[in-house]
N, C-alpha and C. Protein backbone atom coordinates (compact mmCIF):
# COMPACT_ATOMS: atom_id res chain seq x y z
N ILE A 1 65.23 144.62 132.57
CA ILE A 1 66.46 144.15 131.95
C ILE A 1 66.64 142.66 132.20
N LYS A 2 66.27 142.21 133.38
CA LYS A 2 66.45 140.80 133.72
C LYS A 2 65.61 139.91 132.81
N ASP A 3 64.37 140.31 132.52
CA ASP A 3 63.52 139.53 131.62
C ASP A 3 64.12 139.46 130.22
N PHE A 4 64.69 140.55 129.77
CA PHE A 4 65.31 140.61 128.45
C PHE A 4 66.49 139.64 128.35
N LEU A 5 67.32 139.61 129.40
CA LEU A 5 68.48 138.70 129.40
C LEU A 5 68.07 137.25 129.50
N GLU A 6 67.03 136.94 130.27
CA GLU A 6 66.56 135.56 130.41
C GLU A 6 65.97 135.04 129.10
N GLN A 7 65.49 135.94 128.27
CA GLN A 7 64.94 135.56 126.98
C GLN A 7 66.01 134.89 126.11
N TYR A 8 67.26 135.35 126.19
CA TYR A 8 68.36 134.79 125.40
C TYR A 8 69.21 133.79 126.17
N ASP A 9 68.92 133.60 127.43
CA ASP A 9 69.71 132.72 128.27
C ASP A 9 69.47 131.25 127.91
N ASP A 10 68.22 130.89 127.64
CA ASP A 10 67.88 129.49 127.39
C ASP A 10 68.58 128.92 126.15
N PRO A 11 68.57 129.60 124.98
CA PRO A 11 69.27 129.02 123.83
C PRO A 11 70.77 128.86 124.05
N VAL A 12 71.38 129.79 124.76
CA VAL A 12 72.82 129.70 125.02
C VAL A 12 73.11 128.50 125.91
N ARG A 13 72.27 128.28 126.91
CA ARG A 13 72.47 127.14 127.81
C ARG A 13 72.27 125.83 127.05
N ARG A 14 71.31 125.79 126.12
CA ARG A 14 71.09 124.59 125.33
C ARG A 14 72.30 124.29 124.43
N MET A 15 72.86 125.33 123.84
CA MET A 15 74.03 125.14 122.98
C MET A 15 75.23 124.66 123.77
N ALA A 16 75.38 125.14 124.99
CA ALA A 16 76.52 124.74 125.81
C ALA A 16 76.40 123.30 126.27
N SER A 17 75.18 122.81 126.43
CA SER A 17 75.01 121.44 126.90
C SER A 17 75.11 120.41 125.76
N LYS A 18 75.10 120.87 124.50
CA LYS A 18 75.20 119.95 123.37
C LYS A 18 76.59 119.33 123.32
N LYS A 19 76.62 118.10 122.79
CA LYS A 19 77.90 117.46 122.56
C LYS A 19 78.55 118.11 121.35
N LEU A 20 79.82 118.45 121.46
CA LEU A 20 80.49 119.12 120.35
C LEU A 20 80.81 118.16 119.22
N ARG A 21 81.30 116.95 119.54
CA ARG A 21 81.59 115.98 118.50
C ARG A 21 81.07 114.62 118.94
N ALA A 22 80.50 113.92 118.02
CA ALA A 22 79.95 112.60 118.31
C ALA A 22 80.92 111.56 117.76
N PHE A 23 81.44 110.73 118.65
CA PHE A 23 82.32 109.65 118.22
C PHE A 23 81.47 108.48 117.75
N PRO A 24 81.96 107.69 116.80
CA PRO A 24 81.21 106.51 116.37
C PRO A 24 81.02 105.54 117.53
N GLU A 25 79.87 104.90 117.56
CA GLU A 25 79.56 103.97 118.65
C GLU A 25 80.11 102.59 118.35
N VAL A 26 80.58 101.92 119.42
CA VAL A 26 81.05 100.54 119.30
C VAL A 26 79.86 99.65 119.62
N LYS A 27 79.37 98.91 118.62
CA LYS A 27 78.25 97.99 118.80
C LYS A 27 78.73 96.58 118.53
N ALA A 28 78.59 95.71 119.50
CA ALA A 28 79.00 94.30 119.39
C ALA A 28 80.47 94.19 119.00
N GLY A 29 81.31 95.08 119.53
CA GLY A 29 82.74 95.04 119.27
C GLY A 29 83.14 95.58 117.91
N CYS A 30 82.21 96.17 117.16
CA CYS A 30 82.49 96.69 115.82
C CYS A 30 82.13 98.16 115.73
N VAL A 31 82.83 98.88 114.87
CA VAL A 31 82.50 100.27 114.55
C VAL A 31 82.28 100.35 113.05
N SER A 32 81.15 100.93 112.65
CA SER A 32 80.84 101.09 111.24
C SER A 32 80.91 102.58 110.90
N THR A 33 81.75 102.94 109.94
CA THR A 33 81.90 104.34 109.53
C THR A 33 81.96 104.42 108.01
N TYR A 34 81.92 105.64 107.50
CA TYR A 34 81.99 105.86 106.07
C TYR A 34 82.97 106.98 105.77
N GLY A 35 83.48 107.01 104.55
CA GLY A 35 84.38 108.06 104.12
C GLY A 35 84.19 108.33 102.64
N MET A 36 84.53 109.56 102.24
CA MET A 36 84.39 109.93 100.84
C MET A 36 85.61 110.73 100.38
N ARG A 37 85.97 110.53 99.11
CA ARG A 37 87.00 111.36 98.48
C ARG A 37 86.76 111.33 96.97
N LYS A 38 86.81 112.50 96.34
CA LYS A 38 86.48 112.65 94.92
C LYS A 38 85.10 112.02 94.67
N ASN A 39 85.01 111.02 93.83
CA ASN A 39 83.72 110.36 93.58
C ASN A 39 83.61 109.02 94.30
N ALA A 40 84.58 108.68 95.13
CA ALA A 40 84.60 107.39 95.80
C ALA A 40 83.91 107.46 97.16
N LYS A 41 83.20 106.38 97.49
CA LYS A 41 82.54 106.27 98.78
C LYS A 41 82.93 104.93 99.39
N ALA A 42 83.27 104.94 100.68
CA ALA A 42 83.69 103.71 101.36
C ALA A 42 82.93 103.53 102.66
N GLU A 43 82.52 102.30 102.91
CA GLU A 43 81.89 101.92 104.17
C GLU A 43 82.81 100.91 104.83
N VAL A 44 83.24 101.21 106.06
CA VAL A 44 84.23 100.37 106.73
C VAL A 44 83.67 99.83 108.03
N LEU A 45 83.94 98.54 108.28
CA LEU A 45 83.58 97.90 109.53
C LEU A 45 84.89 97.52 110.22
N LEU A 46 85.17 98.14 111.36
CA LEU A 46 86.40 97.89 112.12
C LEU A 46 86.07 97.04 113.33
N ARG A 47 86.91 96.02 113.58
CA ARG A 47 86.77 95.23 114.80
C ARG A 47 88.15 94.81 115.27
N ARG A 48 88.28 94.60 116.56
CA ARG A 48 89.58 94.16 117.09
C ARG A 48 89.88 92.77 116.54
N GLY A 49 91.14 92.57 116.16
CA GLY A 49 91.50 91.29 115.56
C GLY A 49 92.99 91.17 115.31
N THR A 50 93.33 90.56 114.18
CA THR A 50 94.73 90.24 113.88
C THR A 50 95.29 91.05 112.71
N GLY A 51 94.54 91.99 112.20
CA GLY A 51 95.04 92.80 111.08
C GLY A 51 94.64 92.29 109.73
N GLN A 52 93.51 91.57 109.64
CA GLN A 52 93.05 91.02 108.37
C GLN A 52 92.29 92.10 107.60
N TRP A 53 92.56 92.20 106.29
CA TRP A 53 91.94 93.19 105.42
C TRP A 53 91.09 92.50 104.38
N ILE A 54 89.82 92.92 104.26
CA ILE A 54 88.95 92.45 103.19
C ILE A 54 88.29 93.67 102.57
N ILE A 55 88.55 93.90 101.28
CA ILE A 55 87.99 95.04 100.56
C ILE A 55 87.21 94.50 99.38
N ASN A 56 85.90 94.74 99.38
CA ASN A 56 84.99 94.23 98.34
C ASN A 56 85.19 92.73 98.11
N ASP A 57 85.23 91.97 99.20
CA ASP A 57 85.40 90.51 99.18
C ASP A 57 86.72 90.07 98.56
N ARG A 58 87.73 90.94 98.58
CA ARG A 58 89.06 90.61 98.09
C ARG A 58 90.10 90.99 99.14
N VAL A 59 91.27 90.39 99.03
CA VAL A 59 92.36 90.69 99.96
C VAL A 59 92.98 92.03 99.57
N LEU A 60 93.63 92.68 100.54
CA LEU A 60 94.20 94.01 100.33
C LEU A 60 95.18 94.04 99.15
N LEU A 61 96.07 93.06 99.07
CA LEU A 61 97.07 93.04 97.99
C LEU A 61 96.44 92.88 96.61
N ASP A 62 95.31 92.19 96.54
CA ASP A 62 94.63 92.02 95.25
C ASP A 62 93.89 93.28 94.84
N TYR A 63 93.27 93.96 95.81
CA TYR A 63 92.46 95.12 95.46
C TYR A 63 93.31 96.36 95.21
N PHE A 64 94.33 96.57 96.04
CA PHE A 64 95.24 97.70 95.88
C PHE A 64 96.65 97.18 95.63
N PRO A 65 97.00 96.87 94.36
CA PRO A 65 98.34 96.34 94.09
C PRO A 65 99.44 97.39 94.22
N GLU A 66 99.10 98.68 94.10
CA GLU A 66 100.11 99.73 94.20
C GLU A 66 100.48 100.01 95.65
N MET A 67 101.77 100.17 95.89
CA MET A 67 102.27 100.37 97.25
C MET A 67 101.79 101.69 97.86
N THR A 68 101.69 102.75 97.06
CA THR A 68 101.29 104.05 97.60
C THR A 68 99.88 104.01 98.18
N HIS A 69 98.99 103.26 97.53
CA HIS A 69 97.62 103.15 98.04
C HIS A 69 97.59 102.37 99.34
N ARG A 70 98.38 101.32 99.44
CA ARG A 70 98.42 100.53 100.68
C ARG A 70 99.03 101.34 101.82
N GLN A 71 100.05 102.16 101.51
CA GLN A 71 100.63 103.02 102.54
C GLN A 71 99.61 104.01 103.06
N GLN A 72 98.80 104.53 102.16
CA GLN A 72 97.78 105.49 102.55
C GLN A 72 96.75 104.84 103.48
N LEU A 73 96.41 103.59 103.21
CA LEU A 73 95.44 102.88 104.05
C LEU A 73 96.00 102.58 105.44
N LEU A 74 97.28 102.27 105.52
CA LEU A 74 97.89 101.90 106.80
C LEU A 74 98.28 103.11 107.65
N TYR A 75 98.28 104.30 107.06
CA TYR A 75 98.75 105.50 107.77
C TYR A 75 98.02 105.76 109.09
N PRO A 76 96.68 105.67 109.17
CA PRO A 76 96.03 105.89 110.47
C PRO A 76 96.47 104.90 111.54
N PHE A 77 96.74 103.66 111.14
CA PHE A 77 97.21 102.65 112.10
C PHE A 77 98.64 102.94 112.55
N LEU A 78 99.49 103.41 111.64
CA LEU A 78 100.87 103.74 112.00
C LEU A 78 100.92 104.91 112.97
N VAL A 79 100.09 105.91 112.74
CA VAL A 79 100.08 107.11 113.58
C VAL A 79 99.64 106.78 115.00
N THR A 80 98.67 105.87 115.12
CA THR A 80 98.12 105.53 116.44
C THR A 80 98.76 104.28 117.06
N ASP A 81 99.78 103.73 116.42
CA ASP A 81 100.47 102.51 116.90
C ASP A 81 99.51 101.34 117.12
N THR A 82 98.63 101.12 116.17
CA THR A 82 97.67 100.01 116.28
C THR A 82 97.75 99.09 115.06
N VAL A 83 98.92 98.98 114.46
CA VAL A 83 99.07 98.12 113.28
C VAL A 83 98.88 96.67 113.70
N GLY A 84 98.00 95.95 112.99
CA GLY A 84 97.75 94.54 113.28
C GLY A 84 96.81 94.29 114.43
N GLN A 85 96.17 95.30 114.97
CA GLN A 85 95.26 95.11 116.10
C GLN A 85 93.80 95.14 115.69
N PHE A 86 93.51 95.54 114.44
CA PHE A 86 92.14 95.64 113.99
C PHE A 86 91.95 94.91 112.67
N ASP A 87 90.78 94.26 112.52
CA ASP A 87 90.38 93.68 111.25
C ASP A 87 89.55 94.71 110.51
N VAL A 88 89.79 94.85 109.21
CA VAL A 88 89.10 95.85 108.40
C VAL A 88 88.30 95.12 107.32
N ASP A 89 87.00 95.37 107.30
CA ASP A 89 86.12 94.84 106.27
C ASP A 89 85.42 96.03 105.63
N CYS A 90 85.62 96.23 104.33
CA CYS A 90 85.06 97.44 103.74
C CYS A 90 84.48 97.18 102.36
N LYS A 91 83.50 98.01 102.05
CA LYS A 91 82.88 98.05 100.72
C LYS A 91 83.17 99.44 100.17
N VAL A 92 83.76 99.48 98.98
CA VAL A 92 84.13 100.77 98.38
C VAL A 92 83.73 100.77 96.92
N GLY A 93 83.31 101.92 96.43
CA GLY A 93 82.91 102.02 95.04
C GLY A 93 83.01 103.44 94.54
N GLY A 94 82.97 103.60 93.23
CA GLY A 94 83.03 104.91 92.62
C GLY A 94 84.45 105.41 92.50
N GLY A 95 84.70 106.24 91.52
CA GLY A 95 86.02 106.85 91.36
C GLY A 95 87.08 105.84 90.96
N GLY A 96 88.33 106.24 91.16
CA GLY A 96 89.46 105.37 90.84
C GLY A 96 90.15 104.89 92.09
N PRO A 97 91.29 104.23 91.92
CA PRO A 97 91.98 103.66 93.09
C PRO A 97 92.48 104.70 94.08
N THR A 98 92.93 105.86 93.62
CA THR A 98 93.42 106.89 94.54
C THR A 98 92.29 107.45 95.38
N GLY A 99 91.17 107.74 94.75
CA GLY A 99 90.01 108.23 95.49
C GLY A 99 89.48 107.19 96.46
N GLN A 100 89.46 105.94 96.04
CA GLN A 100 88.98 104.87 96.91
C GLN A 100 89.89 104.68 98.11
N ALA A 101 91.20 104.76 97.90
CA ALA A 101 92.14 104.64 99.02
C ALA A 101 91.95 105.78 100.01
N GLY A 102 91.74 106.99 99.50
CA GLY A 102 91.50 108.14 100.38
C GLY A 102 90.21 108.01 101.15
N ALA A 103 89.17 107.47 100.51
CA ALA A 103 87.88 107.29 101.18
C ALA A 103 87.99 106.25 102.30
N VAL A 104 88.69 105.16 102.03
CA VAL A 104 88.87 104.12 103.05
C VAL A 104 89.71 104.65 104.20
N ARG A 105 90.74 105.43 103.90
CA ARG A 105 91.59 106.00 104.95
C ARG A 105 90.79 106.91 105.89
N LEU A 106 89.92 107.74 105.33
CA LEU A 106 89.09 108.61 106.15
C LEU A 106 88.15 107.80 107.02
N ALA A 107 87.54 106.75 106.46
CA ALA A 107 86.62 105.91 107.23
C ALA A 107 87.34 105.18 108.35
N ILE A 108 88.55 104.70 108.10
CA ILE A 108 89.33 104.02 109.13
C ILE A 108 89.67 104.99 110.25
N SER A 109 90.07 106.20 109.89
CA SER A 109 90.42 107.21 110.90
C SER A 109 89.22 107.52 111.79
N LYS A 110 88.05 107.66 111.18
CA LYS A 110 86.83 107.92 111.97
C LYS A 110 86.52 106.74 112.88
N GLY A 111 86.71 105.52 112.37
CA GLY A 111 86.42 104.33 113.15
C GLY A 111 87.34 104.15 114.34
N LEU A 112 88.60 104.52 114.18
CA LEU A 112 89.55 104.40 115.30
C LEU A 112 89.17 105.31 116.47
N THR A 113 88.57 106.46 116.17
CA THR A 113 88.13 107.35 117.26
C THR A 113 87.01 106.73 118.06
N GLY A 114 86.26 105.80 117.45
CA GLY A 114 85.20 105.11 118.19
C GLY A 114 85.75 104.17 119.24
N PHE A 115 86.91 103.57 118.98
CA PHE A 115 87.51 102.65 119.94
C PHE A 115 88.24 103.40 121.05
N ASN A 116 88.88 104.52 120.71
CA ASN A 116 89.63 105.27 121.71
C ASN A 116 89.50 106.76 121.38
N ASN A 117 88.87 107.51 122.29
CA ASN A 117 88.65 108.95 122.05
C ASN A 117 89.96 109.73 122.01
N ASP A 118 91.02 109.20 122.61
CA ASP A 118 92.31 109.89 122.60
C ASP A 118 92.92 109.95 121.20
N PHE A 119 92.50 109.02 120.34
CA PHE A 119 93.02 109.00 118.98
C PHE A 119 92.55 110.21 118.19
N HIS A 120 91.47 110.85 118.62
CA HIS A 120 90.91 111.98 117.85
C HIS A 120 91.93 113.10 117.69
N ASN A 121 92.60 113.49 118.78
CA ASN A 121 93.59 114.57 118.70
C ASN A 121 94.79 114.18 117.85
N ILE A 122 95.22 112.94 117.96
CA ILE A 122 96.38 112.47 117.20
C ILE A 122 96.07 112.48 115.71
N LEU A 123 94.93 111.87 115.35
CA LEU A 123 94.56 111.79 113.93
C LEU A 123 94.25 113.16 113.35
N ASN A 124 93.65 114.02 114.16
CA ASN A 124 93.31 115.35 113.68
C ASN A 124 94.56 116.20 113.45
N SER A 125 95.59 115.99 114.26
CA SER A 125 96.83 116.76 114.08
C SER A 125 97.53 116.38 112.77
N TYR A 126 97.32 115.14 112.30
CA TYR A 126 97.90 114.71 111.02
C TYR A 126 96.95 114.99 109.86
N GLY A 127 95.76 115.53 110.13
CA GLY A 127 94.80 115.85 109.09
C GLY A 127 94.08 114.66 108.52
N LEU A 128 93.98 113.59 109.30
CA LEU A 128 93.35 112.36 108.81
C LEU A 128 91.84 112.33 109.03
N LEU A 129 91.29 113.28 109.76
CA LEU A 129 89.85 113.29 110.02
C LEU A 129 89.09 114.31 109.19
N THR A 130 89.80 115.02 108.31
CA THR A 130 89.14 116.01 107.47
C THR A 130 89.00 115.46 106.05
N ARG A 131 87.82 115.65 105.49
CA ARG A 131 87.56 115.17 104.14
C ARG A 131 88.26 116.09 103.14
N ASP A 132 88.89 115.50 102.14
CA ASP A 132 89.54 116.28 101.10
C ASP A 132 88.46 116.86 100.17
N PRO A 133 88.29 118.19 100.13
CA PRO A 133 87.17 118.76 99.39
C PRO A 133 87.40 118.86 97.88
N ARG A 134 88.60 118.52 97.40
CA ARG A 134 88.90 118.69 95.98
C ARG A 134 88.16 117.66 95.14
N ILE A 135 87.43 118.15 94.15
CA ILE A 135 86.74 117.27 93.21
C ILE A 135 87.05 117.75 91.79
N VAL A 136 86.67 116.97 90.81
CA VAL A 136 86.96 117.30 89.42
C VAL A 136 86.13 118.52 89.02
N GLU A 137 86.79 119.48 88.38
CA GLU A 137 86.10 120.68 87.93
C GLU A 137 85.31 120.37 86.66
N ARG A 138 84.13 120.95 86.55
CA ARG A 138 83.27 120.66 85.40
C ARG A 138 83.79 121.31 84.13
N LYS A 139 83.42 120.73 82.99
CA LYS A 139 83.78 121.29 81.69
C LYS A 139 82.90 122.51 81.42
N LYS A 140 83.53 123.58 80.93
CA LYS A 140 82.80 124.80 80.60
C LYS A 140 82.48 124.85 79.12
N PRO A 141 81.38 125.50 78.75
CA PRO A 141 81.06 125.64 77.33
C PRO A 141 82.08 126.54 76.62
N GLY A 142 82.43 126.19 75.40
CA GLY A 142 83.40 126.96 74.65
C GLY A 142 84.84 126.59 74.95
N LYS A 143 85.04 125.56 75.76
CA LYS A 143 86.39 125.11 76.12
C LYS A 143 86.51 123.63 75.81
N THR A 144 87.76 123.16 75.62
CA THR A 144 87.99 121.74 75.36
C THR A 144 87.74 120.92 76.62
N LYS A 145 88.30 121.41 77.74
CA LYS A 145 88.12 120.75 79.04
C LYS A 145 87.68 121.81 80.03
N ALA A 146 87.98 121.63 81.31
CA ALA A 146 87.53 122.59 82.32
C ALA A 146 88.19 123.96 82.11
N ARG A 147 89.49 123.96 81.79
CA ARG A 147 90.20 125.23 81.61
C ARG A 147 90.94 125.32 80.28
N LYS A 148 91.19 124.18 79.65
CA LYS A 148 91.94 124.18 78.39
C LYS A 148 91.08 124.75 77.27
N SER A 149 91.68 125.65 76.51
CA SER A 149 90.95 126.28 75.40
C SER A 149 91.34 125.64 74.08
N TYR A 150 90.55 125.92 73.07
CA TYR A 150 90.89 125.49 71.73
C TYR A 150 92.10 126.30 71.25
N VAL A 151 92.82 125.79 70.24
CA VAL A 151 93.97 126.50 69.70
C VAL A 151 93.50 127.74 69.00
N TRP A 152 94.09 128.88 69.34
CA TRP A 152 93.69 130.15 68.76
C TRP A 152 94.51 130.39 67.50
N GLN A 153 93.82 130.73 66.40
CA GLN A 153 94.50 131.02 65.15
C GLN A 153 94.18 132.44 64.72
N LYS A 154 95.23 133.14 64.32
CA LYS A 154 95.02 134.55 63.96
C LYS A 154 94.26 134.65 62.64
N ARG A 155 94.55 133.79 61.66
CA ARG A 155 93.89 133.87 60.35
C ARG A 155 93.10 132.63 60.05
C-alpha cells in the first residue's frame, strides 16, 4: 500500500510547490502588461512618476475625449489610492473606444499588482483583474444579423 501511495505523492507535492499566481515583474522601475476587451488589445508600461498619460503617442484628453472612458481608465488608481503616482505609456489598437478603454483598464490593474502585491485583493474584489469575456456574436445564415430575422410575411 505504501508503494501505491508514494506513486501519487510526487505529483501532488509538485502541484503544492507551484506558485498559484505570478505577479508582473518590475524591471528597471517599469512594469509591462497587456489587456484585452472585445477586439481591442492594449500594451501598457507603468512607471512611478507624476501621473502623465501617453496613449498611442497622444495625450489622454486627445485620445479619449469622452468622460466615461477616462473614468474607466482612472478607476484602478482610485481604488488603490495611487492617483498621480504612476506614469502610463500605452499602445492600444483594435475595436472601438469602449473596448480600448476596457483593455487599458485591465492592463493597468495587472501592472499595479506588480508594484504592490497587496493591490491584488483590492482590485480583484472590484472585478478589475478579470477579463470581460463578452464579444460580438457572429451573424448566422438565414438571419439579417446575429439574432434579428427577416420580416415574416404571411402571403
